[in-house]
Each structure stands twice: as structure tokens, then as C-alpha cells.
N, C-alpha and C. Protein backbone atom coordinates (compact mmCIF):
# COMPACT_ATOMS: atom_id res chain seq x y z
N MET A 1 26.52 0.15 -11.18
CA MET A 1 26.26 0.57 -12.64
C MET A 1 26.68 2.06 -13.07
N LYS A 2 26.92 3.24 -11.97
CA LYS A 2 27.09 3.93 -12.43
C LYS A 2 29.34 3.77 -13.22
N ALA A 3 29.91 3.06 -11.90
CA ALA A 3 31.45 2.79 -12.97
C ALA A 3 30.98 2.50 -14.18
N ILE A 4 30.20 1.41 -14.47
CA ILE A 4 29.95 1.05 -15.75
C ILE A 4 29.81 2.00 -17.26
N LYS A 5 28.68 2.83 -16.60
CA LYS A 5 28.71 3.99 -17.49
C LYS A 5 29.65 5.30 -17.62
N PHE A 6 30.66 5.36 -16.66
CA PHE A 6 31.72 5.98 -17.07
C PHE A 6 32.37 5.33 -17.52
N VAL A 7 32.44 4.30 -17.28
CA VAL A 7 33.78 3.50 -18.64
C VAL A 7 33.61 3.60 -19.57
N LEU A 8 31.87 3.18 -20.02
CA LEU A 8 31.94 2.97 -21.43
C LEU A 8 32.28 4.72 -21.97
N PHE A 9 31.57 5.35 -21.59
CA PHE A 9 31.72 7.04 -21.79
C PHE A 9 33.20 7.34 -21.98
N ILE A 10 34.37 6.52 -21.26
CA ILE A 10 36.14 6.96 -21.90
C ILE A 10 35.72 6.14 -22.41
N LEU A 11 35.34 4.93 -22.78
CA LEU A 11 35.72 4.12 -24.31
C LEU A 11 35.01 5.01 -25.27
N LEU A 12 34.29 5.15 -25.27
CA LEU A 12 33.38 6.09 -26.24
C LEU A 12 34.18 7.47 -26.57
N SER A 13 34.96 7.90 -25.87
CA SER A 13 35.16 9.36 -26.20
C SER A 13 37.00 8.56 -27.03
N ILE A 14 37.53 7.76 -26.16
CA ILE A 14 38.81 7.31 -26.11
C ILE A 14 38.31 7.12 -28.11
N SER A 15 37.71 6.04 -28.61
CA SER A 15 37.48 5.42 -30.07
C SER A 15 37.35 6.23 -30.82
N LEU A 16 36.51 7.55 -30.15
CA LEU A 16 36.10 8.83 -30.85
C LEU A 16 37.15 9.91 -31.41
N SER A 17 38.20 9.65 -30.50
CA SER A 17 39.23 10.43 -30.81
C SER A 17 40.27 10.36 -31.50
N CYS A 18 40.47 8.90 -31.73
CA CYS A 18 41.65 8.25 -32.47
C CYS A 18 41.19 8.32 -34.04
N LYS A 19 42.50 8.92 -34.57
CA LYS A 19 42.87 9.30 -35.97
C LYS A 19 43.08 7.65 -36.75
N GLU A 20 42.71 8.11 -38.27
CA GLU A 20 42.82 6.64 -39.35
C GLU A 20 44.23 6.94 -39.11
N GLU A 21 45.11 5.65 -39.13
CA GLU A 21 46.53 6.13 -39.95
C GLU A 21 46.63 5.51 -41.17
N HIS A 22 47.76 6.58 -42.33
CA HIS A 22 47.79 6.10 -43.60
C HIS A 22 48.88 5.83 -43.62
N PRO A 23 49.35 4.19 -44.39
CA PRO A 23 50.91 4.12 -44.87
C PRO A 23 51.47 5.29 -45.17
N ILE A 24 53.04 4.98 -45.15
CA ILE A 24 53.90 5.78 -45.40
C ILE A 24 54.03 6.04 -47.04
N GLY A 25 53.79 7.41 -47.33
CA GLY A 25 53.90 7.76 -48.82
C GLY A 25 52.96 7.58 -49.08
N THR A 26 51.52 7.64 -48.83
CA THR A 26 50.62 8.33 -49.65
C THR A 26 50.11 9.07 -48.95
N ALA A 27 48.98 9.80 -49.84
CA ALA A 27 49.43 11.65 -49.55
C ALA A 27 47.60 11.66 -49.30
N THR A 28 47.60 12.24 -47.70
CA THR A 28 46.18 12.96 -47.54
C THR A 28 46.35 13.76 -46.55
N ASP A 29 45.31 14.21 -46.73
CA ASP A 29 44.87 15.95 -46.12
C ASP A 29 44.88 15.90 -44.35
N GLN A 30 45.29 16.74 -44.16
CA GLN A 30 45.49 16.98 -42.09
C GLN A 30 43.89 16.93 -42.04
N THR A 31 43.59 15.82 -40.96
CA THR A 31 42.43 15.75 -40.54
C THR A 31 42.23 16.87 -39.50
N SER A 32 40.99 17.27 -39.32
CA SER A 32 40.45 18.00 -38.54
C SER A 32 39.59 17.18 -37.54
N ILE A 33 39.63 17.57 -36.17
CA ILE A 33 38.72 16.95 -34.88
C ILE A 33 37.85 17.37 -34.19
N SER A 34 37.08 18.31 -34.53
CA SER A 34 36.27 18.87 -33.16
C SER A 34 35.22 17.84 -32.44
N THR A 35 35.45 17.80 -31.18
CA THR A 35 33.91 17.05 -30.75
C THR A 35 33.72 17.78 -29.28
N PHE A 36 32.22 17.94 -29.34
CA PHE A 36 31.48 19.13 -28.83
C PHE A 36 30.92 18.55 -27.74
N TYR A 37 30.38 18.34 -26.19
CA TYR A 37 30.10 18.21 -25.26
C TYR A 37 28.89 19.08 -24.86
N LEU A 38 27.46 18.29 -25.06
CA LEU A 38 26.45 19.63 -25.27
C LEU A 38 25.92 19.20 -23.79
N ILE A 39 25.24 19.59 -22.41
CA ILE A 39 24.98 18.91 -22.01
C ILE A 39 23.67 20.31 -21.65
N ARG A 40 22.28 20.37 -20.45
CA ARG A 40 21.46 21.07 -20.22
C ARG A 40 21.84 21.49 -19.02
N HIS A 41 21.22 22.17 -18.63
CA HIS A 41 21.69 22.83 -17.01
C HIS A 41 20.85 21.49 -16.06
N ALA A 42 21.77 21.68 -14.92
CA ALA A 42 21.53 20.80 -14.14
C ALA A 42 19.97 21.57 -13.15
N GLU A 43 19.38 20.51 -12.52
CA GLU A 43 17.91 21.04 -11.86
C GLU A 43 18.14 22.19 -11.04
N LYS A 44 17.09 22.63 -11.27
CA LYS A 44 16.65 24.03 -11.05
C LYS A 44 16.07 24.05 -9.79
N ASP A 45 16.34 25.55 -8.80
CA ASP A 45 15.45 25.62 -7.84
C ASP A 45 13.84 26.62 -8.76
N ARG A 46 12.71 25.47 -8.36
CA ARG A 46 11.70 25.88 -8.85
C ARG A 46 11.28 26.46 -7.48
N SER A 47 11.32 26.87 -6.46
CA SER A 47 10.41 27.44 -5.26
C SER A 47 9.59 28.63 -5.80
N ASN A 48 9.76 29.63 -6.53
CA ASN A 48 9.46 30.87 -7.17
C ASN A 48 9.36 31.02 -8.48
N PRO A 49 7.86 30.53 -8.84
CA PRO A 49 7.68 30.44 -10.28
C PRO A 49 7.93 31.94 -11.22
N ASN A 50 7.71 32.95 -10.37
CA ASN A 50 8.03 34.16 -11.52
C ASN A 50 9.52 34.53 -11.07
N ASP A 51 10.28 33.63 -11.10
CA ASP A 51 11.87 33.82 -10.85
C ASP A 51 11.96 33.33 -12.61
N ASN A 52 12.77 34.51 -13.32
CA ASN A 52 13.39 33.83 -14.69
C ASN A 52 14.58 32.96 -14.69
N ASP A 53 15.32 33.64 -13.77
CA ASP A 53 16.67 33.75 -13.36
C ASP A 53 17.29 32.54 -12.38
N PRO A 54 16.68 31.42 -11.71
CA PRO A 54 17.09 30.59 -10.83
C PRO A 54 18.30 29.97 -10.90
N GLU A 55 18.82 30.39 -9.77
CA GLU A 55 19.75 28.74 -9.43
C GLU A 55 19.39 27.99 -9.35
N LEU A 56 20.52 26.53 -9.01
CA LEU A 56 20.51 25.46 -9.03
C LEU A 56 19.55 24.91 -7.73
N ASN A 57 18.77 23.98 -7.45
CA ASN A 57 18.63 23.27 -6.31
C ASN A 57 20.23 22.35 -5.95
N GLN A 58 19.60 22.24 -4.35
CA GLN A 58 20.69 21.02 -3.83
C GLN A 58 21.06 19.74 -4.96
N LYS A 59 20.24 19.32 -5.57
CA LYS A 59 19.97 18.05 -6.46
C LYS A 59 20.56 18.68 -7.89
N GLY A 60 20.28 19.68 -7.84
CA GLY A 60 21.32 20.57 -9.42
C GLY A 60 22.66 21.09 -9.16
N LEU A 61 23.32 21.10 -7.78
CA LEU A 61 24.46 21.31 -7.48
C LEU A 61 25.45 20.18 -7.31
N GLY A 62 24.92 19.02 -6.94
CA GLY A 62 25.13 17.98 -6.98
C GLY A 62 25.48 17.37 -8.34
N ARG A 63 24.59 17.72 -9.24
CA ARG A 63 24.91 17.08 -10.25
C ARG A 63 25.81 18.01 -11.36
N ALA A 64 25.54 19.41 -11.12
CA ALA A 64 27.01 20.27 -12.04
C ALA A 64 28.04 19.48 -11.41
N MET A 65 28.22 18.73 -10.29
CA MET A 65 29.70 18.67 -9.57
C MET A 65 30.13 16.69 -10.16
N HIS A 66 28.84 16.74 -10.63
CA HIS A 66 29.10 14.81 -11.13
C HIS A 66 29.47 15.18 -12.66
N TRP A 67 28.59 16.20 -13.01
CA TRP A 67 29.49 16.33 -14.76
C TRP A 67 30.37 16.74 -14.44
N ALA A 68 31.03 17.30 -13.71
CA ALA A 68 32.57 17.46 -13.96
C ALA A 68 33.32 16.20 -13.41
N GLU A 69 32.60 15.47 -12.94
CA GLU A 69 33.68 14.24 -12.17
C GLU A 69 33.47 13.25 -14.35
N ILE A 70 31.77 13.24 -14.76
CA ILE A 70 32.07 12.76 -15.33
C ILE A 70 33.29 13.08 -16.55
N LEU A 71 33.38 14.36 -16.57
CA LEU A 71 34.00 15.19 -17.93
C LEU A 71 35.66 15.19 -17.19
N ILE A 72 36.39 14.67 -16.18
CA ILE A 72 37.10 14.47 -15.35
C ILE A 72 38.27 15.00 -16.63
N ASP A 73 38.18 13.30 -17.26
CA ASP A 73 39.60 12.92 -18.30
C ASP A 73 39.20 13.55 -19.28
N VAL A 74 38.26 14.15 -19.64
CA VAL A 74 38.07 14.72 -20.60
C VAL A 74 39.23 15.99 -20.99
N GLU A 75 39.68 16.30 -21.69
CA GLU A 75 41.03 17.50 -22.22
C GLU A 75 40.11 18.83 -23.03
N LEU A 76 39.10 19.49 -22.10
CA LEU A 76 38.55 19.92 -23.25
C LEU A 76 39.51 21.50 -22.77
N ASP A 77 39.04 22.46 -23.80
CA ASP A 77 40.05 23.33 -24.38
C ASP A 77 38.64 24.74 -24.33
N ALA A 78 37.82 24.46 -24.44
CA ALA A 78 36.96 25.63 -24.32
C ALA A 78 35.66 25.63 -23.57
N ILE A 79 35.11 25.79 -22.67
CA ILE A 79 33.60 26.10 -21.81
C ILE A 79 32.62 26.97 -22.35
N TYR A 80 31.73 26.49 -22.61
CA TYR A 80 30.46 27.56 -23.35
C TYR A 80 29.14 27.67 -22.15
N SER A 81 28.72 28.73 -21.99
CA SER A 81 27.46 28.52 -21.25
C SER A 81 26.37 29.47 -21.60
N THR A 82 25.38 29.53 -21.53
CA THR A 82 24.11 31.04 -21.78
C THR A 82 24.56 31.43 -20.59
N ASP A 83 23.91 33.21 -20.54
CA ASP A 83 24.44 33.86 -19.36
C ASP A 83 23.03 33.82 -18.35
N TYR A 84 22.94 32.35 -17.64
CA TYR A 84 21.43 32.44 -16.97
C TYR A 84 22.53 31.68 -15.44
N ASN A 85 22.23 32.45 -14.40
CA ASN A 85 22.41 31.68 -12.88
C ASN A 85 22.63 30.13 -13.20
N ARG A 86 21.87 28.82 -13.50
CA ARG A 86 21.14 27.64 -13.37
C ARG A 86 22.11 27.13 -14.91
N THR A 87 22.51 27.72 -15.80
CA THR A 87 24.03 27.15 -16.98
C THR A 87 25.07 27.48 -16.17
N SER A 88 25.50 28.75 -15.64
CA SER A 88 26.80 28.82 -15.08
C SER A 88 26.94 28.17 -14.08
N MET A 89 26.08 27.98 -13.29
CA MET A 89 26.31 26.86 -11.86
C MET A 89 26.76 25.45 -12.52
N THR A 90 25.87 25.38 -13.52
CA THR A 90 26.11 23.89 -13.88
C THR A 90 27.67 24.09 -14.83
N ALA A 91 28.04 24.85 -15.26
CA ALA A 91 29.26 24.54 -15.67
C ALA A 91 30.69 25.13 -14.63
N ALA A 92 30.12 25.95 -13.71
CA ALA A 92 31.39 26.12 -13.02
C ALA A 92 32.03 24.82 -11.85
N PRO A 93 31.69 23.93 -11.79
CA PRO A 93 32.68 22.90 -11.42
C PRO A 93 33.51 22.43 -12.55
N THR A 94 32.80 22.41 -13.09
CA THR A 94 33.87 21.64 -14.70
C THR A 94 35.20 22.65 -15.35
N SER A 95 34.55 24.19 -14.93
CA SER A 95 35.73 24.85 -15.09
C SER A 95 36.41 25.87 -14.06
N VAL A 96 36.16 25.06 -12.64
CA VAL A 96 37.23 25.37 -11.66
C VAL A 96 37.93 24.36 -11.42
N LYS A 97 37.75 22.89 -12.01
CA LYS A 97 38.60 21.80 -12.10
C LYS A 97 39.63 21.88 -13.72
N LYS A 98 38.93 22.28 -14.46
CA LYS A 98 39.84 22.96 -15.37
C LYS A 98 41.21 23.54 -15.81
N ASN A 99 40.14 24.66 -14.71
CA ASN A 99 41.28 25.92 -14.94
C ASN A 99 40.49 26.58 -16.12
N ILE A 100 39.68 26.59 -17.08
CA ILE A 100 39.15 27.49 -17.95
C ILE A 100 37.89 28.23 -17.85
N ASP A 101 37.97 29.31 -17.93
CA ASP A 101 36.93 30.80 -18.08
C ASP A 101 35.79 30.15 -19.03
N VAL A 102 34.63 30.50 -18.39
CA VAL A 102 33.41 30.40 -19.17
C VAL A 102 33.58 31.30 -20.09
N GLN A 103 32.97 30.88 -21.11
CA GLN A 103 32.60 32.07 -22.40
C GLN A 103 31.00 31.91 -22.35
N TYR A 104 30.54 33.20 -22.40
CA TYR A 104 28.97 33.01 -22.73
C TYR A 104 28.16 33.96 -24.07
N TYR A 105 27.18 32.62 -24.40
CA TYR A 105 27.13 32.67 -25.95
C TYR A 105 25.33 33.05 -25.62
N ASP A 106 24.93 33.40 -27.01
CA ASP A 106 23.41 33.63 -27.43
C ASP A 106 22.79 32.52 -28.12
N PRO A 107 22.31 31.71 -27.37
CA PRO A 107 21.64 30.58 -28.67
C PRO A 107 20.84 31.59 -29.64
N SER A 108 19.96 32.44 -29.71
CA SER A 108 19.32 33.02 -30.73
C SER A 108 20.36 33.91 -31.47
N THR A 109 21.67 34.40 -31.51
CA THR A 109 22.27 34.82 -32.47
C THR A 109 23.69 34.23 -32.71
N ILE A 110 23.63 32.90 -32.36
CA ILE A 110 24.88 32.52 -32.57
C ILE A 110 24.89 32.20 -33.97
N ASP A 111 26.50 32.29 -34.25
CA ASP A 111 26.56 31.83 -35.62
C ASP A 111 27.71 30.67 -36.04
N ILE A 112 26.69 29.36 -36.39
CA ILE A 112 27.44 28.16 -36.40
C ILE A 112 28.41 28.03 -36.96
N THR A 113 28.09 28.41 -37.99
CA THR A 113 29.44 28.31 -39.12
C THR A 113 31.11 28.81 -38.16
N GLN A 114 30.74 30.22 -37.80
CA GLN A 114 31.68 30.78 -37.25
C GLN A 114 32.11 29.98 -35.59
N PHE A 115 31.65 29.50 -35.23
CA PHE A 115 31.27 29.15 -33.79
C PHE A 115 32.53 27.57 -34.03
N LYS A 116 31.97 26.89 -35.21
CA LYS A 116 32.91 25.72 -35.59
C LYS A 116 33.89 25.94 -35.49
N ALA A 117 33.93 27.33 -36.75
CA ALA A 117 35.57 27.36 -37.28
C ALA A 117 36.48 27.76 -36.10
N ASP A 118 35.77 28.65 -35.20
CA ASP A 118 36.76 29.02 -33.90
C ASP A 118 37.05 27.83 -32.69
N ASN A 119 36.54 26.30 -33.61
CA ASN A 119 36.69 25.76 -32.53
C ASN A 119 37.00 24.27 -33.20
N VAL A 120 37.65 24.47 -34.10
CA VAL A 120 38.22 23.26 -34.53
C VAL A 120 39.17 23.23 -34.43
N ASP A 121 39.42 21.60 -34.05
CA ASP A 121 40.54 20.84 -33.38
C ASP A 121 40.54 20.89 -31.67
N LYS A 122 38.60 21.45 -30.99
CA LYS A 122 39.22 21.52 -29.58
C LYS A 122 38.03 20.83 -29.25
N LYS A 123 37.88 20.09 -27.80
CA LYS A 123 37.09 19.92 -27.57
C LYS A 123 36.34 20.95 -26.45
N VAL A 124 35.08 20.55 -26.32
CA VAL A 124 34.38 21.91 -26.12
C VAL A 124 33.19 21.46 -25.38
N LEU A 125 32.85 22.10 -24.10
CA LEU A 125 31.43 21.99 -23.45
C LEU A 125 30.72 22.85 -23.42
N ILE A 126 29.40 22.72 -23.54
CA ILE A 126 28.65 23.66 -23.77
C ILE A 126 27.22 23.30 -23.42
N VAL A 127 27.30 24.45 -22.52
CA VAL A 127 26.05 24.23 -21.11
C VAL A 127 24.86 25.08 -21.41
N GLY A 128 23.59 24.26 -21.92
CA GLY A 128 22.11 25.05 -22.57
C GLY A 128 20.83 24.90 -21.54
N HIS A 129 19.76 24.90 -22.21
CA HIS A 129 18.84 24.36 -22.13
C HIS A 129 18.14 23.40 -22.30
N SER A 130 16.49 23.01 -21.93
CA SER A 130 15.79 22.30 -22.37
C SER A 130 15.76 22.50 -24.37
N ASN A 131 15.49 23.29 -24.31
CA ASN A 131 15.29 23.48 -25.54
C ASN A 131 16.77 23.99 -26.57
N THR A 132 17.83 24.96 -26.06
CA THR A 132 18.67 25.16 -26.86
C THR A 132 19.93 24.16 -26.94
N THR A 133 19.87 23.09 -25.87
CA THR A 133 20.56 22.03 -26.24
C THR A 133 20.54 21.29 -27.65
N PRO A 134 19.24 20.89 -27.74
CA PRO A 134 19.20 20.25 -29.06
C PRO A 134 19.37 20.85 -30.14
N GLU A 135 18.64 22.09 -29.98
CA GLU A 135 19.23 22.99 -31.49
C GLU A 135 20.38 22.83 -31.24
N PHE A 136 21.33 23.10 -30.51
CA PHE A 136 22.26 23.60 -30.70
C PHE A 136 23.40 21.88 -31.60
N VAL A 137 22.62 21.08 -30.94
CA VAL A 137 23.32 19.95 -31.81
C VAL A 137 23.03 19.76 -32.93
N ASN A 138 21.64 19.90 -32.98
CA ASN A 138 21.27 20.20 -34.75
C ASN A 138 21.57 20.85 -35.58
N LYS A 139 22.03 22.23 -35.08
CA LYS A 139 22.93 22.96 -35.92
C LYS A 139 23.90 22.73 -35.98
N LEU A 140 24.59 21.90 -35.15
CA LEU A 140 26.56 21.38 -35.42
C LEU A 140 26.45 20.04 -36.32
N ILE A 141 24.96 19.31 -36.72
CA ILE A 141 24.83 17.82 -37.43
C ILE A 141 24.71 18.70 -38.14
N GLY A 142 23.98 19.37 -38.79
CA GLY A 142 22.93 20.07 -40.11
C GLY A 142 21.93 19.20 -40.40
N GLU A 143 21.30 19.03 -39.30
CA GLU A 143 20.06 18.56 -39.64
C GLU A 143 18.93 18.30 -38.34
N GLU A 144 17.65 18.79 -38.82
CA GLU A 144 16.58 18.61 -37.30
C GLU A 144 16.54 17.41 -36.67
N LYS A 145 17.25 16.67 -35.92
CA LYS A 145 16.98 15.34 -35.47
C LYS A 145 16.40 15.34 -34.23
N TYR A 146 16.84 16.33 -32.98
CA TYR A 146 16.53 16.15 -31.76
C TYR A 146 15.62 17.41 -31.37
N SER A 147 14.46 16.85 -30.43
CA SER A 147 13.65 17.97 -29.93
C SER A 147 14.15 18.33 -28.34
N SER A 148 13.07 19.01 -27.93
CA SER A 148 13.30 20.34 -26.98
C SER A 148 13.31 18.57 -26.02
N ILE A 149 14.22 18.67 -24.62
CA ILE A 149 14.80 17.87 -23.84
C ILE A 149 13.51 18.49 -22.85
N ASP A 150 12.87 16.93 -22.47
CA ASP A 150 12.01 16.81 -21.50
C ASP A 150 12.23 17.79 -20.00
N ASP A 151 11.32 18.31 -19.70
CA ASP A 151 11.32 19.38 -18.73
C ASP A 151 12.36 18.93 -16.71
N GLY A 152 11.97 17.47 -17.09
CA GLY A 152 11.99 16.74 -15.95
C GLY A 152 13.66 15.49 -15.88
N GLU A 153 14.13 16.01 -17.51
CA GLU A 153 15.33 15.51 -17.37
C GLU A 153 16.78 16.22 -17.69
N ASN A 154 17.82 16.33 -16.86
CA ASN A 154 18.61 17.24 -16.67
C ASN A 154 19.98 16.01 -16.93
N GLY A 155 19.68 15.56 -17.27
CA GLY A 155 21.41 13.81 -17.35
C GLY A 155 22.00 13.47 -18.62
N THR A 156 21.33 14.55 -19.83
CA THR A 156 21.41 14.20 -21.36
C THR A 156 22.59 15.09 -21.42
N LEU A 157 23.46 13.73 -22.27
CA LEU A 157 24.62 14.46 -22.80
C LEU A 157 25.28 14.08 -24.29
N PHE A 158 25.21 15.43 -25.28
CA PHE A 158 25.60 14.93 -26.53
C PHE A 158 26.76 14.81 -26.51
N ILE A 159 27.18 13.87 -26.94
CA ILE A 159 28.81 13.84 -27.92
C ILE A 159 28.36 14.19 -29.47
N VAL A 160 29.03 15.31 -29.87
CA VAL A 160 29.03 15.57 -31.79
C VAL A 160 30.18 15.73 -31.87
N GLN A 161 30.78 14.74 -32.35
CA GLN A 161 32.08 15.04 -32.89
C GLN A 161 32.07 15.16 -34.72
N VAL A 162 33.23 16.54 -35.02
CA VAL A 162 32.84 17.16 -36.54
C VAL A 162 34.01 16.26 -36.97
N VAL A 163 34.50 15.52 -38.18
CA VAL A 163 35.73 14.91 -38.48
C VAL A 163 35.97 15.41 -39.74
N ASN A 164 36.85 16.07 -40.72
CA ASN A 164 37.01 16.78 -41.39
C ASN A 164 35.32 17.32 -42.29
N ASN A 165 34.56 18.40 -40.91
CA ASN A 165 33.41 18.72 -41.57
C ASN A 165 32.39 18.13 -41.77
N ILE A 166 32.42 16.40 -41.01
CA ILE A 166 31.82 15.31 -41.21
C ILE A 166 31.18 15.24 -40.04
N PRO A 167 29.56 15.40 -39.10
CA PRO A 167 29.39 15.00 -37.83
C PRO A 167 29.02 14.01 -37.36
N THR A 168 29.26 13.44 -36.53
CA THR A 168 28.63 12.13 -36.08
C THR A 168 27.69 12.60 -34.74
N VAL A 169 26.80 12.01 -34.19
CA VAL A 169 26.74 12.43 -32.85
C VAL A 169 25.87 11.10 -31.85
N ASN A 170 26.18 11.05 -30.40
CA ASN A 170 25.79 10.03 -29.77
C ASN A 170 25.09 10.73 -28.77
N LYS A 171 24.34 10.58 -28.05
CA LYS A 171 23.41 10.60 -26.73
C LYS A 171 23.39 9.89 -25.95
N LEU A 172 23.71 10.33 -24.42
CA LEU A 172 23.71 9.61 -23.43
C LEU A 172 23.41 10.07 -22.23
N ILE A 173 22.32 9.09 -21.57
CA ILE A 173 21.72 9.58 -20.19
C ILE A 173 22.52 9.36 -19.41
N PHE A 174 22.60 10.20 -18.27
CA PHE A 174 23.37 9.73 -16.87
C PHE A 174 22.77 9.81 -15.96
N ASN A 175 22.09 8.92 -15.17
CA ASN A 175 21.07 9.45 -13.67
C ASN A 175 22.04 9.92 -12.61
N CYS A 176 21.67 10.72 -11.63
CA CYS A 176 22.45 11.24 -10.72
C CYS A 176 21.79 10.56 -9.26
N ASN A 177 22.71 10.61 -8.40
CA ASN A 177 22.30 9.83 -7.21
C ASN A 177 22.55 11.31 -6.30
N CYS A 178 22.56 11.97 -6.80
CA CYS A 178 22.78 13.01 -5.78
C CYS A 178 21.49 13.54 -4.79
N PRO A 179 21.72 14.38 -4.05
CA PRO A 179 21.10 14.41 -2.96
C PRO A 179 19.92 15.77 -3.00
N ASP A 180 18.21 15.03 -2.71
CA ASP A 180 17.84 15.86 -2.94
C ASP A 180 17.49 17.49 -1.85
């Protein structure tokens, strides 16, 4: 089942990244395509309820590796994460595999217009939280479509593609057979 989901993900990514061809001699504007992959951090250590910045637990570490495998064939240009242990640890395996430094952002102060302009024609991974990830998606698509992710859900992947300033979004859920 995991292999089928992976194949579907790859096929979806390929089909979303195809450009429309125009006959020779027709006037067309340059097509810009930006693709944003947004995930919530993996499972965090909940052993200390007073810890506002916990690291990932064992299952979370496994899921972070799982995300790196899911995204292995995506040619990422940038990786963004909030500046928390759990988000940066989730981004780390993908960062290492892709040899891309993680850039930190503050979801409460992000200028979405500037963010989109800075990432035109790029493929970008964004790691956030149960509330900030859907909020970021909503900002990218320009509508209030998604609410907070359930606290027990760490396998949601949003793929937002902006083609010539027209956004589309897909939401996928990946189960993880990660060790507890």
C-alpha cells in the first residue's frame, strides 16, 4: 500500500509539473510554476508537558526519515522551517539528503507576497505546525480553505502549485510504519 501511495505521489508531482506546449508561431507569455510542499512536524516528545520546544520522539524521527524518502525524487530548491526543535528535526533528513540549508521563518510575520516572489519557479518544502501549516496553505491559495490539523495527525502533505499566479492545492495523507 505504501508503494502505491508513493507511485501516486510521484505521478501527481510529474503531472503537476508538466508545462502546456503551444504551437510554433503562437504568442505566449512565459509560464511560471512554483510548487510548495507543506508538512506538519513529525511526532514530538510529550513526556514533559512543560517543554514548549520538545524534540521528536522515536516515531517522529522515523517519520522525518520517511518524509525524506517520500520527497527523494522531488528536486527541491529550498527548505523552510519554523525555528523549533521538532520542525527543524523534521526538515533535517531531507535537508541532508538534498544538501540544502534550512531557512527559518516566523509564520506570524511572514510576508506571503514576498515569499511567493522569492520562490517563483522553485520547488519548496515548508515545515510548520498543526495550525501554521494550514494557515500557510490558505495564504498561498488566497482563501480560507483549511483549518488546523488534528493534534494526532502528522502525515498530512499539502502540495500547492502556483501557475502564473493561479494556485491549486492537493492534500494527501501518508501513514508511517515508523517505530514507536
